[in-house]
């Protein structure tokens, strides 16, 4: 892969890599991986369909204070 950047960008990238004790190639690969992870996969419609389907179910829940109390009770000493 070849990426063309102007001299000013190149020197800024070099400095950023050096500041993190990375080679420029490692720095670039890391940022490319980050960009890939941030890129949504799958269609937005498929995700919306999944959310809509999940919202049709009745999941058990409680008041937040009740849930927190039950959680804290679970952390107590064994009886």
C-alpha atoms as a PDB file:
ATOM      1  CA  UNK A   1       0.000   0.000   0.000  1.00  0.00           C
ATOM      2  CA  UNK A   2       1.287   3.426  -0.796  1.00  0.00           C
ATOM      3  CA  UNK A   3      -0.155   6.551   0.744  1.00  0.00           C
ATOM      4  CA  UNK A   4       0.916   9.964  -0.455  1.00  0.00           C
ATOM      5  CA  UNK A   5       0.955  12.815   2.045  1.00  0.00           C
ATOM      6  CA  UNK A   6       2.606  16.198   1.913  1.00  0.00           C
ATOM      7  CA  UNK A   7       5.847  16.848   3.792  1.00  0.00           C
ATOM      8  CA  UNK A   8       4.174  18.705   6.650  1.00  0.00           C
ATOM      9  CA  UNK A   9       1.723  15.839   7.286  1.00  0.00           C
ATOM     10  CA  UNK A  10       4.522  13.304   7.049  1.00  0.00           C
ATOM     11  CA  UNK A  11       6.603  15.121   9.677  1.00  0.00           C
ATOM     12  CA  UNK A  12       3.607  15.493  12.002  1.00  0.00           C
ATOM     13  CA  UNK A  13       2.869  11.780  11.679  1.00  0.00           C
ATOM     14  CA  UNK A  14       6.498  10.910  12.321  1.00  0.00           C
ATOM     15  CA  UNK A  15       6.523  13.083  15.438  1.00  0.00           C
ATOM     16  CA  UNK A  16       3.271  11.536  16.699  1.00  0.00           C
ATOM     17  CA  UNK A  17       4.673   8.026  16.206  1.00  0.00           C
ATOM     18  CA  UNK A  18       7.968   8.936  17.852  1.00  0.00           C
ATOM     19  CA  UNK A  19       6.116  10.420  20.853  1.00  0.00           C
ATOM     20  CA  UNK A  20       4.489   7.013  21.386  1.00  0.00           C
ATOM     21  CA  UNK A  21       7.766   5.173  20.813  1.00  0.00           C
ATOM     22  CA  UNK A  22       6.367   3.519  17.663  1.00  0.00           C
ATOM     23  CA  UNK A  23       7.660   3.256  14.152  1.00  0.00           C
ATOM     24  CA  UNK A  24       5.659   5.269  11.659  1.00  0.00           C
ATOM     25  CA  UNK A  25       4.428   2.001  10.106  1.00  0.00           C
ATOM     26  CA  UNK A  26       3.176   0.728  13.504  1.00  0.00           C
ATOM     27  CA  UNK A  27       1.498   4.066  14.177  1.00  0.00           C
ATOM     28  CA  UNK A  28      -0.250   4.019  10.786  1.00  0.00           C
ATOM     29  CA  UNK A  29      -1.364   0.376  11.171  1.00  0.00           C
ATOM     30  CA  UNK A  30      -2.835   1.159  14.582  1.00  0.00           C
ATOM     31  CA  UNK A  31      -4.831   4.075  13.221  1.00  0.00           C
ATOM     32  CA  UNK A  32      -6.051   2.019  10.275  1.00  0.00           C
ATOM     33  CA  UNK A  33      -7.219  -0.713  12.671  1.00  0.00           C
ATOM     34  CA  UNK A  34      -8.994   1.897  14.816  1.00  0.00           C
ATOM     35  CA  UNK A  35     -10.744   3.233  11.710  1.00  0.00           C
ATOM     36  CA  UNK A  36     -11.863  -0.276  10.764  1.00  0.00           C
ATOM     37  CA  UNK A  37     -13.260  -0.923  14.249  1.00  0.00           C
ATOM     38  CA  UNK A  38     -15.148   2.384  14.121  1.00  0.00           C
ATOM     39  CA  UNK A  39     -16.693   1.548  10.739  1.00  0.00           C
ATOM     40  CA  UNK A  40     -20.189   0.110  11.145  1.00  0.00           C
ATOM     41  CA  UNK A  41     -20.699  -3.371   9.764  1.00  0.00           C
ATOM     42  CA  UNK A  42     -23.975  -4.701   8.493  1.00  0.00           C
ATOM     43  CA  UNK A  43     -26.870  -2.637   7.269  1.00  0.00           C
ATOM     44  CA  UNK A  44     -28.562  -0.010   9.378  1.00  0.00           C
ATOM     45  CA  UNK A  45     -31.919  -1.536   8.453  1.00  0.00           C
ATOM     46  CA  UNK A  46     -30.893  -4.935   9.826  1.00  0.00           C
ATOM     47  CA  UNK A  47     -29.842  -3.342  13.123  1.00  0.00           C
ATOM     48  CA  UNK A  48     -33.081  -1.357  13.357  1.00  0.00           C
ATOM     49  CA  UNK A  49     -35.075  -4.531  12.688  1.00  0.00           C
ATOM     50  CA  UNK A  50     -33.243  -6.284  15.538  1.00  0.00           C
ATOM     51  CA  UNK A  51     -33.942  -3.417  17.951  1.00  0.00           C
ATOM     52  CA  UNK A  52     -37.611  -3.324  16.946  1.00  0.00           C
ATOM     53  CA  UNK A  53     -37.930  -7.090  17.429  1.00  0.00           C
ATOM     54  CA  UNK A  54     -36.275  -6.918  20.857  1.00  0.00           C
ATOM     55  CA  UNK A  55     -38.570  -4.088  21.951  1.00  0.00           C
ATOM     56  CA  UNK A  56     -41.583  -6.347  21.417  1.00  0.00           C
ATOM     57  CA  UNK A  57     -40.574  -8.614  24.303  1.00  0.00           C
ATOM     58  CA  UNK A  58     -41.449  -8.092  27.953  1.00  0.00           C
ATOM     59  CA  UNK A  59     -38.222  -8.414  29.902  1.00  0.00           C
ATOM     60  CA  UNK A  60     -38.340  -8.531  33.706  1.00  0.00           C
ATOM     61  CA  UNK A  61     -37.300  -5.326  35.372  1.00  0.00           C
ATOM     62  CA  UNK A  62     -37.736  -3.441  38.599  1.00  0.00           C
ATOM     63  CA  UNK A  63     -37.365   0.009  40.024  1.00  0.00           C
ATOM     64  CA  UNK A  64     -33.695   1.057  39.983  1.00  0.00           C
ATOM     65  CA  UNK A  65     -33.570   1.437  43.766  1.00  0.00           C
ATOM     66  CA  UNK A  66     -34.948  -2.084  44.203  1.00  0.00           C
ATOM     67  CA  UNK A  67     -32.418  -3.504  41.729  1.00  0.00           C
ATOM     68  CA  UNK A  68     -29.498  -1.755  43.447  1.00  0.00           C
ATOM     69  CA  UNK A  69     -30.677  -3.008  46.855  1.00  0.00           C
ATOM     70  CA  UNK A  70     -30.887  -6.578  45.546  1.00  0.00           C
ATOM     71  CA  UNK A  71     -27.434  -6.316  44.000  1.00  0.00           C
ATOM     72  CA  UNK A  72     -25.940  -5.001  47.232  1.00  0.00           C
ATOM     73  CA  UNK A  73     -27.652  -7.748  49.220  1.00  0.00           C
ATOM     74  CA  UNK A  74     -26.010 -10.278  46.929  1.00  0.00           C
ATOM     75  CA  UNK A  75     -22.565  -8.966  47.891  1.00  0.00           C
ATOM     76  CA  UNK A  76     -23.128  -9.528  51.610  1.00  0.00           C
ATOM     77  CA  UNK A  77     -21.601 -12.316  53.717  1.00  0.00           C
ATOM     78  CA  UNK A  78     -22.807 -15.846  53.053  1.00  0.00           C
ATOM     79  CA  UNK A  79     -25.321 -17.168  55.561  1.00  0.00           C
END
